[in-house]
């Protein structure tokens, strides 16, 4: 079955070793109908064994070919060492490949190959509705809708439609592909979405056009960061940049009332803005805001920090920590660190505070410079981060939303100032006070199997520990002769 290729000396050596050579086997299967399932074996697939380089311009040589049996299996014997490419074909399927690096002239190497059926090119359809403002808005009749797809040669196919009295449009027959759907109408801002049309399926692509003169409002309260009491008469300035960089800037100014409340009406929808709050005896505060949605009435509270007398080198940082339901999170640990690189874990200096009962935090006197990074942690939540620049005499705001962690339900209370918090994608974060001694860290599952081992360098306060979602177990920290055991319980 195998046609041997080699030099005479190689043949003699092979004979001296008893003719031993590697075997490459495998199975060719069809793509499984559902994720995680095993596909059906394919009988009669042609499998070609190729030897040679995989790099660009590399020489490849066809060595042999076989057909799969009723179980979809194939086998090649006496395969030379080196990169082996297996190419499988079968009528009614897309070709598939497999690879093996045959490192020894003995042993068996298994390579499984999956073949996909050819893509179904039966046309599908596309339909949708154009609304005013948002998905709940009134239907917009007479809007122009262009459905376009870039072709393989750079050309584009286009369908131009007009919405009916109920704002609807449809294309009855479209080749399976991804399309851009763009809607326009006089007096409205254009909008577009992408839509994937699948064979024999009807795809829905709804759009919303915002009136060109649409406005919303921004309101809130100006308070003292220290105690939450109102700052009466504070000046609140909203700056809105129209268009791209270099566009004109519009500014509106209001004064907070005796109870610290303010309101800015007629805020254009779809344009980002910056709020600046000023009051005598306080550092000015600048808070960036994302663009308002249609008819949105946003609430933005502004917390001012007392001015630092005769200081020309410091500013401050303040913010609010909430969950995804906009509930304030008290007791979250907030670390403000600065590094030579501008951000990251290799901190030169770090300050730590805890959010108050209103979820607020502040660092009242910080050296003005760029390169600060906030890290916010709270048991049961994933870590949140934000990059911050501190400006002389101003308060930089960083409001952070923490996402719940589904991987960890409960962690042990602090031990010796050490604690575990939920990290991103099921990982654990170990936090501890800085010390002149390094710490040895090991993680175990509930049965005592070692999952991780590492060291935390002296002076560092955080370590990222790999952890599988749903696992229970514990982490052991040894530093300076002291041993601390921190337990982990899985999410319910």
Protein backbone atom coordinates (compact mmCIF):
# COMPACT_ATOMS: atom_id res chain seq x y z
CA UNK A 1 0.00 0.00 0.00
CA UNK A 2 2.82 2.40 0.87
CA UNK A 3 5.28 3.43 -1.80
CA UNK A 4 8.57 3.98 0.04
CA UNK A 5 10.71 6.98 -0.89
CA UNK A 6 14.25 7.21 0.44
CA UNK A 7 17.92 6.80 -0.15
CA UNK A 8 19.58 3.39 -0.33
CA UNK A 9 21.34 3.93 2.97
CA UNK A 10 18.03 4.75 4.65
CA UNK A 11 16.55 1.53 3.26
CA UNK A 12 19.47 -0.51 4.61
CA UNK A 13 19.13 1.10 8.05
CA UNK A 14 15.39 0.43 8.07
CA UNK A 15 16.05 -3.22 7.24
CA UNK A 16 18.62 -3.46 10.01
CA UNK A 17 16.02 -2.20 12.48
CA UNK A 18 13.53 -4.80 11.39
CA UNK A 19 11.54 -2.55 9.01
CA UNK A 20 9.95 -0.52 11.77
CA UNK A 21 8.23 2.74 10.82
CA UNK A 22 5.50 5.00 12.17
CA UNK A 23 1.79 4.44 11.53
CA UNK A 24 -0.72 7.24 10.96
CA UNK A 25 -4.38 6.36 11.53
CA UNK A 26 -7.60 8.26 11.98
CA UNK A 27 -11.30 8.64 11.25
CA UNK A 28 -13.13 10.88 8.80
CA UNK A 29 -16.48 12.15 10.09
CA UNK A 30 -19.17 14.55 8.98
CA UNK A 31 -19.69 17.77 10.92
CA UNK A 32 -21.90 17.10 13.97
CA UNK A 33 -25.39 18.57 13.88
CA UNK A 34 -25.06 19.95 17.43
CA UNK A 35 -22.12 21.37 19.37
CA UNK A 36 -20.25 18.76 21.39
CA UNK A 37 -21.74 15.81 19.47
CA UNK A 38 -19.78 13.28 17.37
CA UNK A 39 -20.32 13.38 13.64
CA UNK A 40 -21.29 10.38 11.51
CA UNK A 41 -18.35 8.36 10.06
CA UNK A 42 -17.94 8.81 6.29
CA UNK A 43 -17.32 5.63 4.26
CA UNK A 44 -15.41 5.84 0.98
CA UNK A 45 -13.70 9.17 1.61
CA UNK A 46 -10.38 9.55 -0.24
CA UNK A 47 -7.51 10.30 2.16
CA UNK A 48 -4.18 11.43 0.65
CA UNK A 49 -0.94 11.37 2.65
CA UNK A 50 1.43 14.21 1.78
CA UNK A 51 4.92 14.86 3.12
CA UNK A 52 6.77 18.17 3.08
CA UNK A 53 6.98 21.70 4.43
CA UNK A 54 3.88 23.63 5.52
CA UNK A 55 5.54 27.01 4.97
CA UNK A 56 4.97 29.28 1.98
CA UNK A 57 6.83 27.91 -1.03
CA UNK A 58 7.60 24.60 0.71
CA UNK A 59 7.80 21.46 -1.41
CA UNK A 60 5.06 18.88 -0.76
CA UNK A 61 5.05 15.34 -2.15
CA UNK A 62 2.06 13.01 -2.48
CA UNK A 63 3.08 9.68 -0.92
CA UNK A 64 -0.02 7.48 -0.86
CA UNK A 65 -3.82 7.44 -0.70
CA UNK A 66 -6.49 5.15 0.76
CA UNK A 67 -10.27 5.06 1.12
CA UNK A 68 -12.03 5.00 4.50
CA UNK A 69 -13.88 1.83 5.56
CA UNK A 70 -17.48 1.55 6.74
CA UNK A 71 -16.47 3.06 10.10
CA UNK A 72 -14.77 6.01 8.40
CA UNK A 73 -11.33 4.73 9.42
CA UNK A 74 -8.05 4.93 7.49
CA UNK A 75 -4.46 3.86 8.13
CA UNK A 76 -1.01 4.47 6.63
CA UNK A 77 1.97 2.34 7.68
CA UNK A 78 5.73 2.90 7.31
CA UNK A 79 5.40 6.69 7.41
CA UNK A 80 8.68 8.61 7.50
CA UNK A 81 9.38 11.21 10.18
CA UNK A 82 8.54 14.85 9.57
CA UNK A 83 5.44 16.92 8.90
CA UNK A 84 2.59 14.80 7.54
CA UNK A 85 -0.43 16.36 5.83
CA UNK A 86 -3.63 14.35 5.37
CA UNK A 87 -6.17 15.63 2.84
CA UNK A 88 -9.65 14.05 2.81
CA UNK A 89 -12.28 14.45 0.08
CA UNK A 90 -15.72 13.00 -0.59
CA UNK A 91 -18.36 13.94 -3.12
CA UNK A 92 -21.01 16.09 -1.45
CA UNK A 93 -18.60 17.47 1.18
CA UNK A 94 -16.07 20.26 1.45
CA UNK A 95 -12.45 19.02 1.59
CA UNK A 96 -10.82 18.70 5.01
CA UNK A 97 -7.24 18.45 6.27
CA UNK A 98 -5.36 16.98 9.20
CA UNK A 99 -1.74 17.30 10.34
CA UNK A 100 0.75 15.23 12.30
CA UNK A 101 4.36 15.83 13.24
CA UNK A 102 5.83 12.33 13.05
CA UNK A 103 8.71 12.65 15.50
CA UNK A 104 9.71 8.98 15.69
CA UNK A 105 10.00 6.15 13.17
CA UNK A 106 8.00 3.95 15.53
CA UNK A 107 4.62 4.38 17.19
CA UNK A 108 1.16 5.34 16.04
CA UNK A 109 -0.13 8.87 15.35
CA UNK A 110 -3.88 9.48 15.28
CA UNK A 111 -5.36 12.24 13.11
CA UNK A 112 -9.12 12.76 12.85
CA UNK A 113 -10.61 14.81 10.02
CA UNK A 114 -14.02 16.51 9.82
CA UNK A 115 -15.75 17.21 6.49
CA UNK A 116 -18.46 19.81 6.10
CA UNK A 117 -21.33 19.47 3.64
CA UNK A 118 -21.23 22.15 0.93
CA UNK A 119 -22.90 25.40 1.90
CA UNK A 120 -26.59 25.59 1.08
CA UNK A 121 -27.03 28.34 -1.52
CA UNK A 122 -30.84 28.32 -1.47
CA UNK A 123 -31.94 31.98 -1.21
CA UNK A 124 -33.36 33.41 2.00
CA UNK A 125 -35.29 36.59 2.66
CA UNK A 126 -34.87 39.82 4.61
CA UNK A 127 -37.50 41.99 6.22
CA UNK A 128 -37.72 44.71 8.82
CA UNK A 129 -39.39 47.84 10.12
CA UNK A 130 -38.05 51.39 10.41
CA UNK A 131 -39.10 53.14 13.63
CA UNK A 132 -38.80 56.71 14.85
CA UNK A 133 -36.22 57.16 17.61
CA UNK A 134 -36.01 53.64 19.01
CA UNK A 135 -37.42 50.14 18.66
CA UNK A 136 -40.60 51.19 20.47
CA UNK A 137 -41.10 54.30 18.33
CA UNK A 138 -43.79 54.90 15.72
CA UNK A 139 -43.27 53.28 12.29
CA UNK A 140 -41.71 55.58 9.70
CA UNK A 141 -43.35 55.46 6.26
CA UNK A 142 -41.52 56.52 3.10
CA UNK A 143 -37.99 55.94 4.43
CA UNK A 144 -35.36 54.75 1.93
CA UNK A 145 -33.71 51.42 2.75
CA UNK A 146 -30.63 50.18 0.87
CA UNK A 147 -29.59 46.52 1.26
CA UNK A 148 -26.05 45.96 -0.02
CA UNK A 149 -23.44 43.24 -0.08
CA UNK A 150 -19.81 43.51 -1.17
CA UNK A 151 -18.96 40.98 -3.85
CA UNK A 152 -15.82 38.86 -4.04
CA UNK A 153 -14.37 41.07 -6.76
CA UNK A 154 -15.06 44.27 -4.86
CA UNK A 155 -18.35 44.97 -6.66
CA UNK A 156 -21.54 45.40 -4.67
CA UNK A 157 -25.09 44.17 -5.12
CA UNK A 158 -27.77 46.59 -3.96
CA UNK A 159 -31.51 46.60 -3.43
CA UNK A 160 -33.19 49.98 -2.84
CA UNK A 161 -36.57 49.91 -1.09
CA UNK A 162 -39.13 52.32 0.37
CA UNK A 163 -40.95 51.57 3.62
CA UNK A 164 -44.74 51.19 3.43
CA UNK A 165 -47.36 52.94 5.56
CA UNK A 166 -46.42 50.75 8.53
CA UNK A 167 -42.68 51.36 8.12
CA UNK A 168 -42.03 47.88 6.73
CA UNK A 169 -39.68 46.69 3.97
CA UNK A 170 -38.71 43.28 2.59
CA UNK A 171 -36.53 41.53 0.01
CA UNK A 172 -37.95 38.17 -1.04
CA UNK A 173 -34.83 36.47 -2.41
CA UNK A 174 -31.26 37.02 -1.23
CA UNK A 175 -28.23 34.75 -1.50
CA UNK A 176 -27.01 33.53 1.90
CA UNK A 177 -24.48 36.15 3.08
CA UNK A 178 -24.01 39.10 5.43
CA UNK A 179 -25.58 42.36 4.27
CA UNK A 180 -25.51 46.01 5.31
CA UNK A 181 -28.96 47.54 5.73
CA UNK A 182 -28.99 51.36 5.73
CA UNK A 183 -32.05 53.56 6.27
CA UNK A 184 -32.36 57.30 5.52
CA UNK A 185 -35.09 59.92 5.46
CA UNK A 186 -35.25 63.69 5.31
CA UNK A 187 -35.04 65.25 8.78
CA UNK A 188 -33.54 62.14 10.40
CA UNK A 189 -30.05 60.87 11.16
CA UNK A 190 -29.11 57.87 8.99
CA UNK A 191 -28.80 54.44 10.64
CA UNK A 192 -27.46 51.08 9.54
CA UNK A 193 -27.25 47.50 10.80
CA UNK A 194 -25.68 44.28 9.55
CA UNK A 195 -27.83 41.23 8.93
CA UNK A 196 -26.90 37.66 8.05
CA UNK A 197 -29.25 35.93 5.63
CA UNK A 198 -29.27 32.13 5.89
CA UNK A 199 -30.50 29.62 3.35
CA UNK A 200 -34.29 29.11 3.34
CA UNK A 201 -34.61 31.42 6.35
CA UNK A 202 -36.22 34.81 6.93
CA UNK A 203 -33.96 37.35 8.65
CA UNK A 204 -35.32 40.39 10.54
CA UNK A 205 -33.39 43.68 10.49
CA UNK A 206 -35.21 46.51 12.27
CA UNK A 207 -33.82 50.06 12.35
CA UNK A 208 -34.55 53.27 14.23
CA UNK A 209 -34.00 56.76 12.79
CA UNK A 210 -33.48 59.56 15.29
CA UNK A 211 -34.85 63.00 14.33
CA UNK A 212 -31.99 65.34 13.46
CA UNK A 213 -33.10 67.84 16.12
CA UNK A 214 -33.83 65.25 18.86
CA UNK A 215 -32.89 66.26 22.40
CA UNK A 216 -32.81 64.73 25.87
CA UNK A 217 -31.85 66.03 29.30
CA UNK A 218 -29.14 65.61 31.92
CA UNK A 219 -29.85 66.34 35.56
CA UNK A 220 -28.47 65.45 38.95
CA UNK A 221 -27.08 66.78 42.19
CA UNK A 222 -23.77 68.41 43.11
CA UNK A 223 -22.61 67.14 46.51
CA UNK A 224 -19.55 67.08 48.76
CA UNK A 225 -17.63 63.85 48.24
CA UNK A 226 -16.81 63.74 51.96
CA UNK A 227 -20.36 63.54 53.35
CA UNK A 228 -22.83 63.73 50.44
CA UNK A 229 -24.28 67.09 51.49
CA UNK A 230 -25.43 69.54 48.81
CA UNK A 231 -23.13 72.14 47.24
CA UNK A 232 -25.50 75.06 46.65
CA UNK A 233 -24.80 77.39 43.74
CA UNK A 234 -22.21 75.15 42.08
CA UNK A 235 -21.66 75.94 38.42
CA UNK A 236 -22.24 73.04 36.00
CA UNK A 237 -20.93 73.41 32.44
CA UNK A 238 -21.80 70.99 29.62
CA UNK A 239 -19.53 70.99 26.57
CA UNK A 240 -20.68 69.20 23.41
CA UNK A 241 -18.36 68.70 20.43
CA UNK A 242 -20.25 68.59 17.15
CA UNK A 243 -18.92 66.26 14.48
CA UNK A 244 -15.43 64.75 14.34
CA UNK A 245 -12.24 66.10 15.92
CA UNK A 246 -11.85 69.75 15.12
CA UNK A 247 -15.60 70.41 15.08
CA UNK A 248 -17.22 73.28 16.92
CA UNK A 249 -17.97 73.01 20.64
CA UNK A 250 -21.19 74.14 22.24
CA UNK A 251 -21.30 74.93 25.97
CA UNK A 252 -24.31 75.33 28.28
CA UNK A 253 -24.02 76.51 31.88
CA UNK A 254 -26.45 76.21 34.80
CA UNK A 255 -26.16 76.76 38.54
CA UNK A 256 -27.15 74.19 41.14
CA UNK A 257 -30.01 75.16 43.41
CA UNK A 258 -29.92 75.42 47.20
CA UNK A 259 -30.37 71.66 47.38
CA UNK A 260 -27.50 71.05 44.92
CA UNK A 261 -29.75 69.94 42.04
CA UNK A 262 -29.20 71.03 38.44
CA UNK A 263 -30.79 70.27 35.06
CA UNK A 264 -29.69 70.77 31.47
CA UNK A 265 -32.47 70.55 28.89
CA UNK A 266 -32.17 70.42 25.10
CA UNK A 267 -29.10 68.16 25.12
CA UNK A 268 -28.59 66.88 21.53
CA UNK A 269 -29.04 63.14 21.11
CA UNK A 270 -26.13 61.15 19.71
CA UNK A 271 -23.33 63.57 20.67
CA UNK A 272 -20.86 62.87 23.49
CA UNK A 273 -20.54 65.52 26.18
CA UNK A 274 -18.37 66.57 29.12
CA UNK A 275 -19.72 67.94 32.41
CA UNK A 276 -17.57 70.26 34.51
CA UNK A 277 -18.60 71.30 38.03
CA UNK A 278 -17.03 74.26 39.85
CA UNK A 279 -17.62 75.75 43.29
CA UNK A 280 -15.60 78.01 45.55
CA UNK A 281 -13.49 76.03 48.00
CA UNK A 282 -13.59 72.88 45.89
CA UNK A 283 -11.49 71.38 43.13
CA UNK A 284 -13.19 71.54 39.75
CA UNK A 285 -14.48 68.23 38.44
CA UNK A 286 -14.68 67.00 34.84
CA UNK A 287 -16.91 64.05 33.99
CA UNK A 288 -17.10 62.60 30.47
CA UNK A 289 -20.45 61.25 29.32
CA UNK A 290 -21.52 59.00 26.47
CA UNK A 291 -24.09 60.28 23.98
CA UNK A 292 -27.75 60.41 24.99
CA UNK A 293 -30.18 57.97 23.45
CA UNK A 294 -33.47 59.13 21.93
CA UNK A 295 -35.67 60.87 24.54
CA UNK A 296 -33.24 59.84 27.31
CA UNK A 297 -33.36 61.67 30.65
CA UNK A 298 -30.02 60.86 32.25
CA UNK A 299 -29.12 61.45 35.90
CA UNK A 300 -25.49 62.35 36.65
CA UNK A 301 -24.52 63.24 40.23
CA UNK A 302 -21.29 65.18 40.72
CA UNK A 303 -19.20 64.84 43.92
CA UNK A 304 -16.74 67.65 44.66
CA UNK A 305 -13.60 67.35 46.77
CA UNK A 306 -12.37 70.22 48.92
CA UNK A 307 -9.56 72.30 47.42
CA UNK A 308 -5.99 71.77 48.61
CA UNK A 309 -4.65 75.10 49.82
CA UNK A 310 -1.70 76.54 47.84
CA UNK A 311 -1.02 73.22 46.08
CA UNK A 312 0.13 73.47 42.48
CA UNK A 313 1.12 69.82 42.02
CA UNK A 314 -1.88 67.74 43.13
CA UNK A 315 -5.37 66.84 42.01
CA UNK A 316 -7.84 64.19 43.12
CA UNK A 317 -9.77 61.16 41.93
CA UNK A 318 -13.37 60.29 42.81
CA UNK A 319 -16.03 57.97 41.54
CA UNK A 320 -19.04 55.76 42.05
CA UNK A 321 -19.14 51.96 42.01
CA UNK A 322 -22.43 50.30 41.03
CA UNK A 323 -23.73 46.95 39.80
CA UNK A 324 -25.47 46.34 36.48
CA UNK A 325 -28.80 47.39 38.03
CA UNK A 326 -27.24 50.79 38.97
CA UNK A 327 -27.28 49.88 42.68
CA UNK A 328 -24.47 51.47 44.70
CA UNK A 329 -21.93 48.95 46.00
CA UNK A 330 -20.60 49.69 49.48
CA UNK A 331 -17.42 48.09 50.81
CA UNK A 332 -15.71 47.64 47.45
CA UNK A 333 -11.92 47.87 47.60
CA UNK A 334 -10.53 50.55 45.26
CA UNK A 335 -6.81 50.57 44.46
CA UNK A 336 -5.25 53.55 42.65
CA UNK A 337 -1.84 52.57 41.28
CA UNK A 338 0.76 54.29 39.15
CA UNK A 339 3.45 52.57 37.12
CA UNK A 340 6.41 53.69 35.06
CA UNK A 341 4.74 52.16 31.98
CA UNK A 342 1.61 54.22 32.55
CA UNK A 343 -0.65 51.30 33.55
CA UNK A 344 -0.49 47.69 34.61
CA UNK A 345 0.31 45.61 37.65
CA UNK A 346 4.00 46.55 37.99
CA UNK A 347 3.07 49.44 40.28
CA UNK A 348 5.53 51.92 41.72
CA UNK A 349 2.96 53.27 44.18
CA UNK A 350 -0.57 52.40 45.22
CA UNK A 351 -3.30 53.84 47.47
CA UNK A 352 -6.32 51.89 48.68
CA UNK A 353 -9.74 53.07 49.89
CA UNK A 354 -13.16 51.45 50.37
CA UNK A 355 -16.45 52.70 48.93
CA UNK A 356 -18.84 54.23 51.44
CA UNK A 357 -22.50 53.37 51.99
CA UNK A 358 -23.38 55.33 48.84
CA UNK A 359 -20.85 53.40 46.73
CA UNK A 360 -18.58 56.45 46.41
CA UNK A 361 -14.82 56.70 46.85
CA UNK A 362 -12.24 59.47 46.72
CA UNK A 363 -8.49 60.01 46.68
CA UNK A 364 -8.32 63.69 47.75
CA UNK A 365 -4.65 64.46 47.12
CA UNK A 366 -2.84 62.70 44.27
CA UNK A 367 0.25 63.88 42.38
CA UNK A 368 -0.89 65.23 39.02
CA UNK A 369 0.31 63.06 36.13
CA UNK A 370 -0.88 60.47 33.64
CA UNK A 371 -0.62 56.68 33.97
CA UNK A 372 -2.89 55.92 36.93
CA UNK A 373 -5.03 52.80 36.96
CA UNK A 374 -7.99 52.04 39.22
CA UNK A 375 -8.80 48.46 40.17
CA UNK A 376 -12.09 47.84 41.97
CA UNK A 377 -12.85 44.52 43.65
CA UNK A 378 -15.73 43.13 45.67
CA UNK A 379 -16.56 39.55 46.61
CA UNK A 380 -19.14 38.10 44.21
CA UNK A 381 -18.20 40.45 41.37
CA UNK A 382 -15.62 40.52 38.60
CA UNK A 383 -12.88 43.11 38.96
CA UNK A 384 -13.46 46.50 37.37
CA UNK A 385 -10.70 48.78 36.05
CA UNK A 386 -10.29 52.29 34.70
CA UNK A 387 -7.36 54.40 33.50
CA UNK A 388 -7.11 57.85 35.04
CA UNK A 389 -5.17 61.08 34.41
CA UNK A 390 -4.85 63.44 37.39
CA UNK A 391 -4.81 67.18 36.63
CA UNK A 392 -3.63 69.92 39.00
CA UNK A 393 -6.49 71.41 41.00
CA UNK A 394 -9.14 69.17 39.44
CA UNK A 395 -11.02 66.04 40.36
CA UNK A 396 -10.90 63.25 37.79
CA UNK A 397 -14.00 61.03 37.87
CA UNK A 398 -14.09 57.30 37.23
CA UNK A 399 -17.48 55.66 37.64
CA UNK A 400 -17.25 51.87 37.35
CA UNK A 401 -19.89 49.16 36.95
CA UNK A 402 -19.01 45.73 38.35
CA UNK A 403 -20.34 42.62 36.64
CA UNK A 404 -21.48 39.73 38.85
CA UNK A 405 -19.26 36.67 38.98
CA UNK A 406 -21.06 33.41 38.15
CA UNK A 407 -18.03 31.29 38.94
CA UNK A 408 -17.67 31.89 42.67
CA UNK A 409 -20.37 32.09 45.33
CA UNK A 410 -18.43 32.60 48.55
CA UNK A 411 -14.88 33.22 49.66
CA UNK A 412 -13.32 33.07 53.12
CA UNK A 413 -13.13 36.24 55.19
CA UNK A 414 -9.77 37.97 55.33
CA UNK A 415 -6.92 36.15 57.00
CA UNK A 416 -3.88 38.15 58.03
CA UNK A 417 -4.98 40.96 55.73
CA UNK A 418 -5.18 38.50 52.82
CA UNK A 419 -8.35 37.87 50.84
CA UNK A 420 -9.64 36.26 47.66
CA UNK A 421 -11.97 37.99 45.24
CA UNK A 422 -13.67 36.85 42.07
CA UNK A 423 -11.70 37.63 38.93
CA UNK A 424 -12.61 37.68 35.26
CA UNK A 425 -13.80 34.43 33.59
CA UNK A 426 -13.79 32.42 36.80
CA UNK A 427 -10.27 33.33 37.89
CA UNK A 428 -9.33 34.25 41.45
CA UNK A 429 -7.51 37.37 42.60
CA UNK A 430 -5.41 37.09 45.77
CA UNK A 431 -4.88 40.40 47.56
CA UNK A 432 -2.52 40.93 50.50
CA UNK A 433 -0.60 43.73 52.24
CA UNK A 434 2.80 44.59 50.77
CA UNK A 435 5.73 43.04 52.64
CA UNK A 436 9.49 42.70 52.34
CA UNK A 437 9.15 38.91 52.01
CA UNK A 438 7.92 36.95 49.02
CA UNK A 439 4.87 34.70 49.42
CA UNK A 440 4.44 31.13 48.18
CA UNK A 441 0.94 30.45 46.89
CA UNK A 442 -0.71 27.11 46.10
CA UNK A 443 -4.29 26.37 45.04
CA UNK A 444 -6.07 23.04 45.59
CA UNK A 445 -9.45 21.61 44.67
CA UNK A 446 -11.77 20.07 47.26
CA UNK A 447 -9.98 16.71 46.99
CA UNK A 448 -6.58 18.24 47.61
CA UNK A 449 -5.32 18.02 44.01
CA UNK A 450 -2.87 20.82 43.24
CA UNK A 451 -4.25 23.29 40.70
CA UNK A 452 -1.67 26.06 40.86
CA UNK A 453 1.67 26.94 42.45
CA UNK A 454 3.51 30.24 42.25
CA UNK A 455 5.26 33.02 44.15
CA UNK A 456 4.30 36.63 44.79
CA UNK A 457 7.38 38.84 44.71
CA UNK A 458 8.17 40.97 47.77
CA UNK A 459 6.41 44.34 47.62
CA UNK A 460 3.64 43.14 45.30
CA UNK A 461 0.07 42.91 46.58
CA UNK A 462 -1.93 41.01 43.93
CA UNK A 463 -1.80 37.65 42.18
CA UNK A 464 -4.02 36.21 39.45
CA UNK A 465 -4.80 32.53 40.14
CA UNK A 466 -6.27 30.24 37.43
CA UNK A 467 -9.49 28.64 38.65
CA UNK A 468 -12.11 26.49 36.92
CA UNK A 469 -15.70 27.72 37.09
CA UNK A 470 -17.79 25.71 39.53
CA UNK A 471 -14.84 24.24 41.47
CA UNK A 472 -14.62 24.30 45.25
CA UNK A 473 -11.31 24.24 47.05
CA UNK A 474 -8.86 26.43 48.89
CA UNK A 475 -5.73 28.56 48.52
CA UNK A 476 -2.74 28.28 50.87
CA UNK A 477 -0.43 31.27 51.30
CA UNK A 478 2.91 30.91 53.11
CA UNK A 479 4.95 34.01 53.93
CA UNK A 480 7.51 34.60 56.68
CA UNK A 481 6.67 31.37 58.46
CA UNK A 482 2.92 32.16 58.59
CA UNK A 483 0.43 29.96 56.72
CA UNK A 484 -3.04 31.17 55.75
CA UNK A 485 -5.78 29.01 54.25
CA UNK A 486 -8.52 30.72 52.20
CA UNK A 487 -11.52 28.65 51.09
CA UNK A 488 -13.46 28.93 47.83
CA UNK A 489 -17.06 27.78 47.31
CA UNK A 490 -18.58 27.31 43.86
CA UNK A 491 -21.57 29.20 42.53
CA UNK A 492 -24.97 27.61 42.97
